[in-house]
Amino acid sequence: RAAAEVADGRDALLIAGAVGRTEQAVKEARIAR
């Protein structure tokens, strides 16, 4: 969230790490989205 707030409106690519087995990685992808 901290990085997203700084990057807001700046046309920067935001890439989030997603780790673990499928359930965890999907959960992290949804948080990032």
PDB file of all heavy atoms in Angstrom:
ATOM      1  N   ARG A   1       0.830  -1.205   0.000  1.00  0.00           N
ATOM      2  CA  ARG A   1       0.000   0.000   0.000  1.00  0.00           C
ATOM      3  C   ARG A   1       0.871   1.263   0.000  1.00  0.00           C
ATOM      4  O   ARG A   1       0.565   2.237  -0.701  1.00  0.00           O
ATOM      5  CB  ARG A   1      -0.925  -0.001   1.218  1.00  0.00           C
ATOM      6  CG  ARG A   1      -1.918   1.168   1.238  1.00  0.00           C
ATOM      7  CD  ARG A   1      -2.779   1.132   2.495  1.00  0.00           C
ATOM      8  NE  ARG A   1      -3.550  -0.094   2.580  1.00  0.00           N
ATOM      9  CZ  ARG A   1      -4.691  -0.311   1.936  1.00  0.00           C
ATOM     10  NH1 ARG A   1      -5.202   0.653   1.159  1.00  0.00           N
ATOM     11  NH2 ARG A   1      -5.329  -1.462   2.072  1.00  0.00           N
ATOM     12  N   ALA A   2       1.946   1.253   0.763  1.00  0.00           N
ATOM     13  CA  ALA A   2       2.815   2.435   0.847  1.00  0.00           C
ATOM     14  C   ALA A   2       3.382   2.798  -0.523  1.00  0.00           C
ATOM     15  O   ALA A   2       3.406   3.965  -0.917  1.00  0.00           O
ATOM     16  CB  ALA A   2       3.940   2.188   1.848  1.00  0.00           C
ATOM     17  N   ALA A   3       3.849   1.787  -1.277  1.00  0.00           N
ATOM     18  CA  ALA A   3       4.393   2.062  -2.608  1.00  0.00           C
ATOM     19  C   ALA A   3       3.303   2.519  -3.564  1.00  0.00           C
ATOM     20  O   ALA A   3       3.512   3.429  -4.379  1.00  0.00           O
ATOM     21  CB  ALA A   3       5.085   0.818  -3.148  1.00  0.00           C
ATOM     22  N   ALA A   4       2.119   1.912  -3.465  1.00  0.00           N
ATOM     23  CA  ALA A   4       1.024   2.287  -4.366  1.00  0.00           C
ATOM     24  C   ALA A   4       0.586   3.726  -4.138  1.00  0.00           C
ATOM     25  O   ALA A   4       0.259   4.443  -5.093  1.00  0.00           O
ATOM     26  CB  ALA A   4      -0.154   1.334  -4.164  1.00  0.00           C
ATOM     27  N   GLU A   5       0.591   4.171  -2.893  1.00  0.00           N
ATOM     28  CA  GLU A   5       0.183   5.545  -2.595  1.00  0.00           C
ATOM     29  C   GLU A   5       1.165   6.549  -3.177  1.00  0.00           C
ATOM     30  O   GLU A   5       0.764   7.586  -3.713  1.00  0.00           O
ATOM     31  CB  GLU A   5       0.053   5.720  -1.086  1.00  0.00           C
ATOM     32  CG  GLU A   5      -1.152   4.995  -0.501  1.00  0.00           C
ATOM     33  CD  GLU A   5      -1.197   5.024   1.015  1.00  0.00           C
ATOM     34  OE1 GLU A   5      -0.196   5.441   1.643  1.00  0.00           O
ATOM     35  OE2 GLU A   5      -2.217   4.618   1.580  1.00  0.00           O
ATOM     36  N   VAL A   6       2.459   6.240  -3.107  1.00  0.00           N
ATOM     37  CA  VAL A   6       3.456   7.147  -3.678  1.00  0.00           C
ATOM     38  C   VAL A   6       3.371   7.156  -5.201  1.00  0.00           C
ATOM     39  O   VAL A   6       3.498   8.207  -5.842  1.00  0.00           O
ATOM     40  CB  VAL A   6       4.870   6.743  -3.221  1.00  0.00           C
ATOM     41  CG1 VAL A   6       5.932   7.554  -3.971  1.00  0.00           C
ATOM     42  CG2 VAL A   6       5.030   6.941  -1.718  1.00  0.00           C
ATOM     43  N   ALA A   7       3.135   5.981  -5.786  1.00  0.00           N
ATOM     44  CA  ALA A   7       3.130   5.864  -7.254  1.00  0.00           C
ATOM     45  C   ALA A   7       1.835   6.338  -7.889  1.00  0.00           C
ATOM     46  O   ALA A   7       1.780   6.509  -9.116  1.00  0.00           O
ATOM     47  CB  ALA A   7       3.379   4.414  -7.649  1.00  0.00           C
ATOM     48  N   ASP A   8       0.822   6.585  -7.099  1.00  0.00           N
ATOM     49  CA  ASP A   8      -0.493   6.947  -7.633  1.00  0.00           C
ATOM     50  C   ASP A   8      -0.392   8.156  -8.570  1.00  0.00           C
ATOM     51  O   ASP A   8       0.140   9.204  -8.212  1.00  0.00           O
ATOM     52  CB  ASP A   8      -1.449   7.263  -6.479  1.00  0.00           C
ATOM     53  CG  ASP A   8      -2.871   7.524  -6.959  1.00  0.00           C
ATOM     54  OD1 ASP A   8      -3.324   6.821  -7.875  1.00  0.00           O
ATOM     55  OD2 ASP A   8      -3.513   8.448  -6.429  1.00  0.00           O
ATOM     56  N   GLY A   9      -0.880   7.981  -9.792  1.00  0.00           N
ATOM     57  CA  GLY A   9      -0.882   9.064 -10.764  1.00  0.00           C
ATOM     58  C   GLY A   9       0.418   9.278 -11.497  1.00  0.00           C
ATOM     59  O   GLY A   9       0.531  10.234 -12.277  1.00  0.00           O
ATOM     60  N   ARG A  10       1.404   8.400 -11.291  1.00  0.00           N
ATOM     61  CA  ARG A  10       2.727   8.615 -11.893  1.00  0.00           C
ATOM     62  C   ARG A  10       3.028   7.684 -13.062  1.00  0.00           C
ATOM     63  O   ARG A  10       4.165   7.655 -13.539  1.00  0.00           O
ATOM     64  CB  ARG A  10       3.818   8.455 -10.820  1.00  0.00           C
ATOM     65  CG  ARG A  10       3.682   9.431  -9.666  1.00  0.00           C
ATOM     66  CD  ARG A  10       4.987   9.540  -8.928  1.00  0.00           C
ATOM     67  NE  ARG A  10       4.877  10.302  -7.698  1.00  0.00           N
ATOM     68  CZ  ARG A  10       5.900  10.794  -7.026  1.00  0.00           C
ATOM     69  NH1 ARG A  10       7.124  10.603  -7.492  1.00  0.00           N
ATOM     70  NH2 ARG A  10       5.729  11.457  -5.919  1.00  0.00           N
ATOM     71  N   ASP A  11       2.084   6.897 -13.504  1.00  0.00           N
ATOM     72  CA  ASP A  11       2.304   5.985 -14.632  1.00  0.00           C
ATOM     73  C   ASP A  11       3.492   5.059 -14.407  1.00  0.00           C
ATOM     74  O   ASP A  11       4.326   4.852 -15.297  1.00  0.00           O
ATOM     75  CB  ASP A  11       2.505   6.773 -15.939  1.00  0.00           C
ATOM     76  CG  ASP A  11       1.238   7.475 -16.391  1.00  0.00           C
ATOM     77  OD1 ASP A  11       0.144   6.938 -16.132  1.00  0.00           O
ATOM     78  OD2 ASP A  11       1.343   8.550 -16.987  1.00  0.00           O
ATOM     79  N   ALA A  12       3.585   4.510 -13.213  1.00  0.00           N
ATOM     80  CA  ALA A  12       4.657   3.570 -12.882  1.00  0.00           C
ATOM     81  C   ALA A  12       4.096   2.160 -12.819  1.00  0.00           C
ATOM     82  O   ALA A  12       2.994   1.932 -12.304  1.00  0.00           O
ATOM     83  CB  ALA A  12       5.289   3.933 -11.542  1.00  0.00           C
ATOM     84  N   LEU A  13       4.839   1.210 -13.356  1.00  0.00           N
ATOM     85  CA  LEU A  13       4.459  -0.188 -13.242  1.00  0.00           C
ATOM     86  C   LEU A  13       4.617  -0.647 -11.798  1.00  0.00           C
ATOM     87  O   LEU A  13       5.678  -0.462 -11.192  1.00  0.00           O
ATOM     88  CB  LEU A  13       5.346  -1.047 -14.142  1.00  0.00           C
ATOM     89  CG  LEU A  13       5.080  -0.984 -15.647  1.00  0.00           C
ATOM     90  CD1 LEU A  13       6.299  -1.441 -16.414  1.00  0.00           C
ATOM     91  CD2 LEU A  13       3.861  -1.839 -15.997  1.00  0.00           C
ATOM     92  N   LEU A  14       3.592  -1.237 -11.248  1.00  0.00           N
ATOM     93  CA  LEU A  14       3.644  -1.768  -9.889  1.00  0.00           C
ATOM     94  C   LEU A  14       3.572  -3.289  -9.958  1.00  0.00           C
ATOM     95  O   LEU A  14       2.581  -3.854 -10.431  1.00  0.00           O
ATOM     96  CB  LEU A  14       2.493  -1.217  -9.050  1.00  0.00           C
ATOM     97  CG  LEU A  14       2.589   0.264  -8.667  1.00  0.00           C
ATOM     98  CD1 LEU A  14       1.314   0.720  -7.954  1.00  0.00           C
ATOM     99  CD2 LEU A  14       3.803   0.518  -7.781  1.00  0.00           C
ATOM    100  N   ILE A  15       4.643  -3.929  -9.496  1.00  0.00           N
ATOM    101  CA  ILE A  15       4.752  -5.377  -9.544  1.00  0.00           C
ATOM    102  C   ILE A  15       4.796  -5.893  -8.103  1.00  0.00           C
ATOM    103  O   ILE A  15       5.635  -5.459  -7.308  1.00  0.00           O
ATOM    104  CB  ILE A  15       6.031  -5.826 -10.278  1.00  0.00           C
ATOM    105  CG1 ILE A  15       6.227  -5.043 -11.586  1.00  0.00           C
ATOM    106  CG2 ILE A  15       6.015  -7.326 -10.503  1.00  0.00           C
ATOM    107  CD1 ILE A  15       5.162  -5.246 -12.602  1.00  0.00           C
ATOM    108  N   ALA A  16       3.906  -6.808  -7.762  1.00  0.00           N
ATOM    109  CA  ALA A  16       3.860  -7.373  -6.414  1.00  0.00           C
ATOM    110  C   ALA A  16       4.354  -8.809  -6.431  1.00  0.00           C
ATOM    111  O   ALA A  16       4.006  -9.581  -7.334  1.00  0.00           O
ATOM    112  CB  ALA A  16       2.436  -7.327  -5.867  1.00  0.00           C
ATOM    113  N   GLY A  17       5.145  -9.177  -5.449  1.00  0.00           N
ATOM    114  CA  GLY A  17       5.550 -10.565  -5.324  1.00  0.00           C
ATOM    115  C   GLY A  17       4.375 -11.426  -4.883  1.00  0.00           C
ATOM    116  O   GLY A  17       3.567 -11.003  -4.057  1.00  0.00           O
ATOM    117  N   ALA A  18       4.276 -12.624  -5.444  1.00  0.00           N
ATOM    118  CA  ALA A  18       3.279 -13.606  -5.013  1.00  0.00           C
ATOM    119  C   ALA A  18       4.006 -14.925  -4.802  1.00  0.00           C
ATOM    120  O   ALA A  18       4.714 -15.402  -5.706  1.00  0.00           O
ATOM    121  CB  ALA A  18       2.165 -13.762  -6.049  1.00  0.00           C
ATOM    122  N   VAL A  19       3.853 -15.507  -3.623  1.00  0.00           N
ATOM    123  CA  VAL A  19       4.612 -16.703  -3.264  1.00  0.00           C
ATOM    124  C   VAL A  19       3.671 -17.772  -2.728  1.00  0.00           C
ATOM    125  O   VAL A  19       2.473 -17.555  -2.547  1.00  0.00           O
ATOM    126  CB  VAL A  19       5.687 -16.386  -2.207  1.00  0.00           C
ATOM    127  CG1 VAL A  19       6.591 -15.245  -2.664  1.00  0.00           C
ATOM    128  CG2 VAL A  19       5.049 -16.038  -0.862  1.00  0.00           C
ATOM    129  N   GLY A  20       4.255 -18.938  -2.450  1.00  0.00           N
ATOM    130  CA  GLY A  20       3.506 -20.011  -1.815  1.00  0.00           C
ATOM    131  C   GLY A  20       2.746 -20.874  -2.810  1.00  0.00           C
ATOM    132  O   GLY A  20       2.865 -20.739  -4.025  1.00  0.00           O
ATOM    133  N   ARG A  21       1.955 -21.793  -2.253  1.00  0.00           N
ATOM    134  CA  ARG A  21       1.121 -22.647  -3.078  1.00  0.00           C
ATOM    135  C   ARG A  21      -0.053 -21.832  -3.632  1.00  0.00           C
ATOM    136  O   ARG A  21      -0.178 -20.643  -3.362  1.00  0.00           O
ATOM    137  CB  ARG A  21       0.646 -23.853  -2.267  1.00  0.00           C
ATOM    138  CG  ARG A  21       1.763 -24.662  -1.632  1.00  0.00           C
ATOM    139  CD  ARG A  21       2.615 -25.394  -2.638  1.00  0.00           C
ATOM    140  NE  ARG A  21       1.947 -26.554  -3.195  1.00  0.00           N
ATOM    141  CZ  ARG A  21       2.571 -27.530  -3.866  1.00  0.00           C
ATOM    142  NH1 ARG A  21       3.883 -27.471  -4.080  1.00  0.00           N
ATOM    143  NH2 ARG A  21       1.896 -28.548  -4.355  1.00  0.00           N
ATOM    144  N   THR A  22      -0.895 -22.476  -4.396  1.00  0.00           N
ATOM    145  CA  THR A  22      -1.882 -21.746  -5.191  1.00  0.00           C
ATOM    146  C   THR A  22      -2.814 -20.885  -4.357  1.00  0.00           C
ATOM    147  O   THR A  22      -3.073 -19.722  -4.692  1.00  0.00           O
ATOM    148  CB  THR A  22      -2.685 -22.727  -6.054  1.00  0.00           C
ATOM    149  OG1 THR A  22      -1.769 -23.498  -6.860  1.00  0.00           O
ATOM    150  CG2 THR A  22      -3.652 -21.981  -6.960  1.00  0.00           C
ATOM    151  N   GLU A  23      -3.336 -21.409  -3.262  1.00  0.00           N
ATOM    152  CA  GLU A  23      -4.275 -20.634  -2.453  1.00  0.00           C
ATOM    153  C   GLU A  23      -3.649 -19.340  -1.954  1.00  0.00           C
ATOM    154  O   GLU A  23      -4.273 -18.270  -2.017  1.00  0.00           O
ATOM    155  CB  GLU A  23      -4.759 -21.473  -1.262  1.00  0.00           C
ATOM    156  CG  GLU A  23      -5.790 -20.756  -0.392  1.00  0.00           C
ATOM    157  CD  GLU A  23      -6.290 -21.607   0.767  1.00  0.00           C
ATOM    158  OE1 GLU A  23      -5.838 -22.771   0.909  1.00  0.00           O
ATOM    159  OE2 GLU A  23      -7.130 -21.102   1.545  1.00  0.00           O
ATOM    160  N   GLN A  24      -2.416 -19.432  -1.461  1.00  0.00           N
ATOM    161  CA  GLN A  24      -1.747 -18.234  -0.963  1.00  0.00           C
ATOM    162  C   GLN A  24      -1.427 -17.263  -2.090  1.00  0.00           C
ATOM    163  O   GLN A  24      -1.650 -16.052  -1.964  1.00  0.00           O
ATOM    164  CB  GLN A  24      -0.452 -18.605  -0.229  1.00  0.00           C
ATOM    165  CG  GLN A  24       0.310 -17.380   0.288  1.00  0.00           C
ATOM    166  CD  GLN A  24       1.596 -17.739   1.003  1.00  0.00           C
ATOM    167  OE1 GLN A  24       1.825 -18.899   1.333  1.00  0.00           O
ATOM    168  NE2 GLN A  24       2.449 -16.755   1.249  1.00  0.00           N
ATOM    169  N   ALA A  25      -0.894 -17.768  -3.195  1.00  0.00           N
ATOM    170  CA  ALA A  25      -0.512 -16.889  -4.309  1.00  0.00           C
ATOM    171  C   ALA A  25      -1.722 -16.176  -4.903  1.00  0.00           C
ATOM    172  O   ALA A  25      -1.656 -14.995  -5.251  1.00  0.00           O
ATOM    173  CB  ALA A  25       0.217 -17.695  -5.385  1.00  0.00           C
ATOM    174  N   VAL A  26      -2.841 -16.874  -5.020  1.00  0.00           N
ATOM    175  CA  VAL A  26      -4.060 -16.249  -5.526  1.00  0.00           C
ATOM    176  C   VAL A  26      -4.533 -15.163  -4.574  1.00  0.00           C
ATOM    177  O   VAL A  26      -4.935 -14.064  -4.989  1.00  0.00           O
ATOM    178  CB  VAL A  26      -5.159 -17.308  -5.751  1.00  0.00           C
ATOM    179  CG1 VAL A  26      -6.522 -16.647  -5.944  1.00  0.00           C
ATOM    180  CG2 VAL A  26      -4.821 -18.171  -6.964  1.00  0.00           C
ATOM    181  N   LYS A  27      -4.472 -15.448  -3.275  1.00  0.00           N
ATOM    182  CA  LYS A  27      -4.864 -14.446  -2.274  1.00  0.00           C
ATOM    183  C   LYS A  27      -3.993 -13.204  -2.385  1.00  0.00           C
ATOM    184  O   LYS A  27      -4.490 -12.072  -2.360  1.00  0.00           O
ATOM    185  CB  LYS A  27      -4.765 -15.041  -0.874  1.00  0.00           C
ATOM    186  CG  LYS A  27      -5.124 -14.062   0.243  1.00  0.00           C
ATOM    187  CD  LYS A  27      -4.969 -14.715   1.614  1.00  0.00           C
ATOM    188  CE  LYS A  27      -5.269 -13.720   2.731  1.00  0.00           C
ATOM    189  NZ  LYS A  27      -5.098 -14.328   4.077  1.00  0.00           N
ATOM    190  N   GLU A  28      -2.688 -13.389  -2.540  1.00  0.00           N
ATOM    191  CA  GLU A  28      -1.782 -12.246  -2.644  1.00  0.00           C
ATOM    192  C   GLU A  28      -2.017 -11.482  -3.941  1.00  0.00           C
ATOM    193  O   GLU A  28      -1.923 -10.249  -3.965  1.00  0.00           O
ATOM    194  CB  GLU A  28      -0.336 -12.725  -2.517  1.00  0.00           C
ATOM    195  CG  GLU A  28      -0.022 -13.260  -1.122  1.00  0.00           C
ATOM    196  CD  GLU A  28       1.432 -13.650  -0.927  1.00  0.00           C
ATOM    197  OE1 GLU A  28       2.217 -13.571  -1.892  1.00  0.00           O
ATOM    198  OE2 GLU A  28       1.775 -14.026   0.206  1.00  0.00           O
ATOM    199  N   ALA A  29      -2.331 -12.196  -5.014  1.00  0.00           N
ATOM    200  CA  ALA A  29      -2.632 -11.522  -6.279  1.00  0.00           C
ATOM    201  C   ALA A  29      -3.878 -10.650  -6.140  1.00  0.00           C
ATOM    202  O   ALA A  29      -3.935  -9.535  -6.661  1.00  0.00           O
ATOM    203  CB  ALA A  29      -2.818 -12.550  -7.391  1.00  0.00           C
ATOM    204  N   ARG A  30      -4.862 -11.143  -5.429  1.00  0.00           N
ATOM    205  CA  ARG A  30      -6.088 -10.364  -5.243  1.00  0.00           C
ATOM    206  C   ARG A  30      -5.836  -9.124  -4.388  1.00  0.00           C
ATOM    207  O   ARG A  30      -6.393  -8.050  -4.656  1.00  0.00           O
ATOM    208  CB  ARG A  30      -7.157 -11.245  -4.608  1.00  0.00           C
ATOM    209  CG  ARG A  30      -7.709 -12.294  -5.569  1.00  0.00           C
ATOM    210  CD  ARG A  30      -8.637 -13.274  -4.869  1.00  0.00           C
ATOM    211  NE  ARG A  30      -9.204 -14.231  -5.819  1.00  0.00           N
ATOM    212  CZ  ARG A  30      -9.822 -15.355  -5.465  1.00  0.00           C
ATOM    213  NH1 ARG A  30      -9.959 -15.659  -4.177  1.00  0.00           N
ATOM    214  NH2 ARG A  30     -10.303 -16.164  -6.387  1.00  0.00           N
ATOM    215  N   ILE A  31      -4.999  -9.260  -3.364  1.00  0.00           N
ATOM    216  CA  ILE A  31      -4.643  -8.092  -2.545  1.00  0.00           C
ATOM    217  C   ILE A  31      -3.949  -7.051  -3.417  1.00  0.00           C
ATOM    218  O   ILE A  31      -4.265  -5.853  -3.368  1.00  0.00           O
ATOM    219  CB  ILE A  31      -3.745  -8.514  -1.367  1.00  0.00           C
ATOM    220  CG1 ILE A  31      -4.542  -9.351  -0.357  1.00  0.00           C
ATOM    221  CG2 ILE A  31      -3.136  -7.287  -0.684  1.00  0.00           C
ATOM    222  CD1 ILE A  31      -3.685  -9.980   0.730  1.00  0.00           C
ATOM    223  N   ALA A  32      -3.003  -7.510  -4.219  1.00  0.00           N
ATOM    224  CA  ALA A  32      -2.257  -6.595  -5.089  1.00  0.00           C
ATOM    225  C   ALA A  32      -3.182  -5.902  -6.084  1.00  0.00           C
ATOM    226  O   ALA A  32      -3.076  -4.688  -6.311  1.00  0.00           O
ATOM    227  CB  ALA A  32      -1.157  -7.363  -5.819  1.00  0.00           C
ATOM    228  N   ARG A  33      -4.093  -6.655  -6.666  1.00  0.00           N
ATOM    229  CA  ARG A  33      -5.036  -6.067  -7.626  1.00  0.00           C
ATOM    230  C   ARG A  33      -5.891  -4.995  -6.962  1.00  0.00           C
ATOM    231  O   ARG A  33      -6.137  -3.930  -7.530  1.00  0.00           O
ATOM    232  CB  ARG A  33      -5.915  -7.167  -8.223  1.00  0.00           C
ATOM    233  CG  ARG A  33      -6.772  -6.692  -9.391  1.00  0.00           C
ATOM    234  CD  ARG A  33      -7.564  -7.849  -9.978  1.00  0.00           C
ATOM    235  NE  ARG A  33      -8.665  -8.241  -9.123  1.00  0.00           N
ATOM    236  CZ  ARG A  33      -9.107  -9.493  -8.971  1.00  0.00           C
ATOM    237  NH1 ARG A  33      -8.503 -10.488  -9.590  1.00  0.00           N
ATOM    238  NH2 ARG A  33     -10.137  -9.747  -8.194  1.00  0.00           N
TER     239      ARG A  33
END
